Amino acid sequence: MPDGGAHVANAPLGRRLVALGIDWGIASVISYAFLDYHPLASLGVFALMTYLLVATLGCTIGHRILGIGVRGLEGGLPGPVRAAVRTVALCLAFPPVITGPDGRGLHDMWAKTRIVRR
C-alpha cells in the first residue's frame, strides 16, 4: 500500500483520545522538567512535538503506542504543510471536538488528513 501499511479504516475515537492523553502527558513532563510547567510552554512543547512527528513519521508517540497514524486523504504521509495546519487547529482545542459525518475532527478536515489504524 502507498501509505506504509495503514489500513483504510479510521481509528476508533477511544484510541485517538488515549493517544492525545499520552502526547499531552509527555509534553507536560518536558514542560515541568525544563520550562517551569508554564501552561503556554506545555502547549508549545505539545505543538512542536506533534508537528515534527506527524510531518516526518505520520504519527506521534501516542499514536505509535496505540497503533494509529495520520495520513493524507489519498493515503500518504501528511507532510509539513498538512501537519502544520492540523497541529495549529488541534491546539485551538475546539476543532477536534467538532466532527463531520465520517468521524474526522475539523482539524483533520481542514488539513485533509485522517487518523487510521496502522
C-alpha atoms as a PDB file:
ATOM      1  CA  MET A   1       0.000   0.000   0.000  1.00  0.00           C
ATOM      2  CA  PRO A   2       1.259   3.540  -0.668  1.00  0.00           C
ATOM      3  CA  ASP A   3       0.545   4.612   2.919  1.00  0.00           C
ATOM      4  CA  GLY A   4       3.140   2.394   4.567  1.00  0.00           C
ATOM      5  CA  GLY A   5       0.735  -0.371   5.516  1.00  0.00           C
ATOM      6  CA  ALA A   6      -2.009   1.649   7.192  1.00  0.00           C
ATOM      7  CA  HIS A   7      -5.471   0.179   6.930  1.00  0.00           C
ATOM      8  CA  VAL A   8      -8.215   2.191   5.299  1.00  0.00           C
ATOM      9  CA  ALA A   9     -10.392   2.200   8.436  1.00  0.00           C
ATOM     10  CA  ASN A  10     -10.470   5.317  10.578  1.00  0.00           C
ATOM     11  CA  ALA A  11      -9.034   4.834  14.054  1.00  0.00           C
ATOM     12  CA  PRO A  12     -11.578   4.494  16.884  1.00  0.00           C
ATOM     13  CA  LEU A  13     -12.253   7.578  18.986  1.00  0.00           C
ATOM     14  CA  GLY A  14     -11.071   5.868  22.177  1.00  0.00           C
ATOM     15  CA  ARG A  15      -7.620   5.206  20.739  1.00  0.00           C
ATOM     16  CA  ARG A  16      -7.370   8.754  19.452  1.00  0.00           C
ATOM     17  CA  LEU A  17      -8.232  10.175  22.888  1.00  0.00           C
ATOM     18  CA  VAL A  18      -5.773   7.919  24.722  1.00  0.00           C
ATOM     19  CA  ALA A  19      -3.045   8.842  22.215  1.00  0.00           C
ATOM     20  CA  LEU A  20      -3.787  12.531  22.780  1.00  0.00           C
ATOM     21  CA  GLY A  21      -3.530  11.988  26.537  1.00  0.00           C
ATOM     22  CA  ILE A  22      -0.182  10.231  26.170  1.00  0.00           C
ATOM     23  CA  ASP A  23       1.182  13.029  23.979  1.00  0.00           C
ATOM     24  CA  TRP A  24      -0.080  15.733  26.345  1.00  0.00           C
ATOM     25  CA  GLY A  25       1.438  13.840  29.283  1.00  0.00           C
ATOM     26  CA  ILE A  26       4.839  13.692  27.583  1.00  0.00           C
ATOM     27  CA  ALA A  27       4.676  17.402  26.741  1.00  0.00           C
ATOM     28  CA  SER A  28       3.700  18.191  30.338  1.00  0.00           C
ATOM     29  CA  VAL A  29       6.640  16.212  31.742  1.00  0.00           C
ATOM     30  CA  ILE A  30       9.043  18.046  29.431  1.00  0.00           C
ATOM     31  CA  SER A  31       7.472  21.372  30.389  1.00  0.00           C
ATOM     32  CA  TYR A  32       7.675  20.524  34.093  1.00  0.00           C
ATOM     33  CA  ALA A  33      11.293  19.408  33.869  1.00  0.00           C
ATOM     34  CA  PHE A  34      12.647  22.240  31.743  1.00  0.00           C
ATOM     35  CA  LEU A  35      10.149  25.115  31.420  1.00  0.00           C
ATOM     36  CA  ASP A  36       8.682  25.736  34.888  1.00  0.00           C
ATOM     37  CA  TYR A  37       5.469  23.924  33.828  1.00  0.00           C
ATOM     38  CA  HIS A  38       4.013  27.080  32.328  1.00  0.00           C
ATOM     39  CA  PRO A  39       0.728  26.297  30.501  1.00  0.00           C
ATOM     40  CA  LEU A  40       1.838  28.000  27.290  1.00  0.00           C
ATOM     41  CA  ALA A  41       5.175  26.190  27.453  1.00  0.00           C
ATOM     42  CA  SER A  42       3.316  22.887  27.754  1.00  0.00           C
ATOM     43  CA  LEU A  43       1.174  23.793  24.748  1.00  0.00           C
ATOM     44  CA  GLY A  44       4.274  24.866  22.812  1.00  0.00           C
ATOM     45  CA  VAL A  45       6.071  21.596  23.555  1.00  0.00           C
ATOM     46  CA  PHE A  46       2.948  19.647  22.580  1.00  0.00           C
ATOM     47  CA  ALA A  47       2.616  21.605  19.321  1.00  0.00           C
ATOM     48  CA  LEU A  48       6.283  21.265  18.373  1.00  0.00           C
ATOM     49  CA  MET A  49       6.361  17.567  19.207  1.00  0.00           C
ATOM     50  CA  THR A  50       3.110  16.911  17.312  1.00  0.00           C
ATOM     51  CA  TYR A  51       4.162  18.892  14.252  1.00  0.00           C
ATOM     52  CA  LEU A  52       7.623  17.369  13.926  1.00  0.00           C
ATOM     53  CA  LEU A  53       6.477  13.787  14.423  1.00  0.00           C
ATOM     54  CA  VAL A  54       3.379  13.972  12.209  1.00  0.00           C
ATOM     55  CA  ALA A  55       5.250  15.812   9.427  1.00  0.00           C
ATOM     56  CA  THR A  56       8.128  13.334   9.370  1.00  0.00           C
ATOM     57  CA  LEU A  57       6.763   9.991  10.591  1.00  0.00           C
ATOM     58  CA  GLY A  58       2.999  10.346  10.242  1.00  0.00           C
ATOM     59  CA  CYS A  59       2.378   9.649  13.928  1.00  0.00           C
ATOM     60  CA  THR A  60       3.060  10.985  17.387  1.00  0.00           C
ATOM     61  CA  ILE A  61       4.401   8.881  20.240  1.00  0.00           C
ATOM     62  CA  GLY A  62       0.857   8.311  21.488  1.00  0.00           C
ATOM     63  CA  HIS A  63      -0.296   7.321  18.022  1.00  0.00           C
ATOM     64  CA  ARG A  64       2.580   4.852  17.686  1.00  0.00           C
ATOM     65  CA  ILE A  65       1.827   3.239  21.045  1.00  0.00           C
ATOM     66  CA  LEU A  66      -1.866   2.862  20.156  1.00  0.00           C
ATOM     67  CA  GLY A  67      -1.269   1.568  16.629  1.00  0.00           C
ATOM     68  CA  ILE A  68      -2.721   4.531  14.750  1.00  0.00           C
ATOM     69  CA  GLY A  69      -1.305   7.198  12.450  1.00  0.00           C
ATOM     70  CA  VAL A  70      -2.096  10.325  10.454  1.00  0.00           C
ATOM     71  CA  ARG A  71      -2.448  10.024   6.685  1.00  0.00           C
ATOM     72  CA  GLY A  72      -3.495  12.327   3.891  1.00  0.00           C
ATOM     73  CA  LEU A  73      -6.843  11.534   2.298  1.00  0.00           C
ATOM     74  CA  GLU A  74      -5.001   9.920  -0.618  1.00  0.00           C
ATOM     75  CA  GLY A  75      -3.228   7.565   1.798  1.00  0.00           C
ATOM     76  CA  GLY A  76       0.291   9.010   2.004  1.00  0.00           C
ATOM     77  CA  LEU A  77       2.100  10.750   4.845  1.00  0.00           C
ATOM     78  CA  PRO A  78       0.705  14.217   5.574  1.00  0.00           C
ATOM     79  CA  GLY A  79       3.956  16.150   5.028  1.00  0.00           C
ATOM     80  CA  PRO A  80       4.927  19.520   6.515  1.00  0.00           C
ATOM     81  CA  VAL A  81       2.073  21.737   5.281  1.00  0.00           C
ATOM     82  CA  ARG A  82      -0.770  19.424   6.271  1.00  0.00           C
ATOM     83  CA  ALA A  83       0.967  18.671   9.573  1.00  0.00           C
ATOM     84  CA  ALA A  84       1.226  22.415  10.282  1.00  0.00           C
ATOM     85  CA  VAL A  85      -2.459  23.077   9.501  1.00  0.00           C
ATOM     86  CA  ARG A  86      -3.508  20.077  11.583  1.00  0.00           C
ATOM     87  CA  THR A  87      -1.288  20.986  14.556  1.00  0.00           C
ATOM     88  CA  VAL A  88      -2.375  24.632  14.711  1.00  0.00           C
ATOM     89  CA  ALA A  89      -6.037  23.623  14.505  1.00  0.00           C
ATOM     90  CA  LEU A  90      -5.541  20.867  17.106  1.00  0.00           C
ATOM     91  CA  CYS A  91      -4.040  23.387  19.526  1.00  0.00           C
ATOM     92  CA  LEU A  92      -7.090  25.656  19.184  1.00  0.00           C
ATOM     93  CA  ALA A  93      -8.970  22.960  21.183  1.00  0.00           C
ATOM     94  CA  PHE A  94     -12.428  23.290  19.610  1.00  0.00           C
ATOM     95  CA  PRO A  95     -11.749  21.849  16.096  1.00  0.00           C
ATOM     96  CA  PRO A  96     -11.003  18.313  17.363  1.00  0.00           C
ATOM     97  CA  VAL A  97     -14.325  18.071  19.203  1.00  0.00           C
ATOM     98  CA  ILE A  98     -16.403  19.143  16.199  1.00  0.00           C
ATOM     99  CA  THR A  99     -16.666  16.168  13.877  1.00  0.00           C
ATOM    100  CA  GLY A 100     -18.102  15.507  10.465  1.00  0.00           C
ATOM    101  CA  PRO A 101     -20.211  12.555   9.347  1.00  0.00           C
ATOM    102  CA  ASP A 102     -17.095  10.445   8.767  1.00  0.00           C
ATOM    103  CA  GLY A 103     -15.898  10.985  12.360  1.00  0.00           C
ATOM    104  CA  ARG A 104     -12.969  13.245  11.462  1.00  0.00           C
ATOM    105  CA  GLY A 105     -12.472  16.377  13.546  1.00  0.00           C
ATOM    106  CA  LEU A 106     -12.369  19.816  11.949  1.00  0.00           C
ATOM    107  CA  HIS A 107      -8.588  19.842  12.371  1.00  0.00           C
ATOM    108  CA  ASP A 108      -8.347  16.755  10.137  1.00  0.00           C
ATOM    109  CA  MET A 109     -10.914  18.079   7.668  1.00  0.00           C
ATOM    110  CA  TRP A 110      -9.035  21.386   7.326  1.00  0.00           C
ATOM    111  CA  ALA A 111      -5.700  19.585   6.871  1.00  0.00           C
ATOM    112  CA  LYS A 112      -7.210  16.962   4.523  1.00  0.00           C
ATOM    113  CA  THR A 113      -5.945  14.196   6.807  1.00  0.00           C
ATOM    114  CA  ARG A 114      -7.406  11.346   8.799  1.00  0.00           C
ATOM    115  CA  ILE A 115      -6.296   9.100  11.639  1.00  0.00           C
ATOM    116  CA  VAL A 116      -6.127   5.477  10.571  1.00  0.00           C
ATOM    117  CA  ARG A 117      -5.299   2.142  12.130  1.00  0.00           C
ATOM    118  CA  ARG A 118      -1.744   1.078  11.341  1.00  0.00           C
END
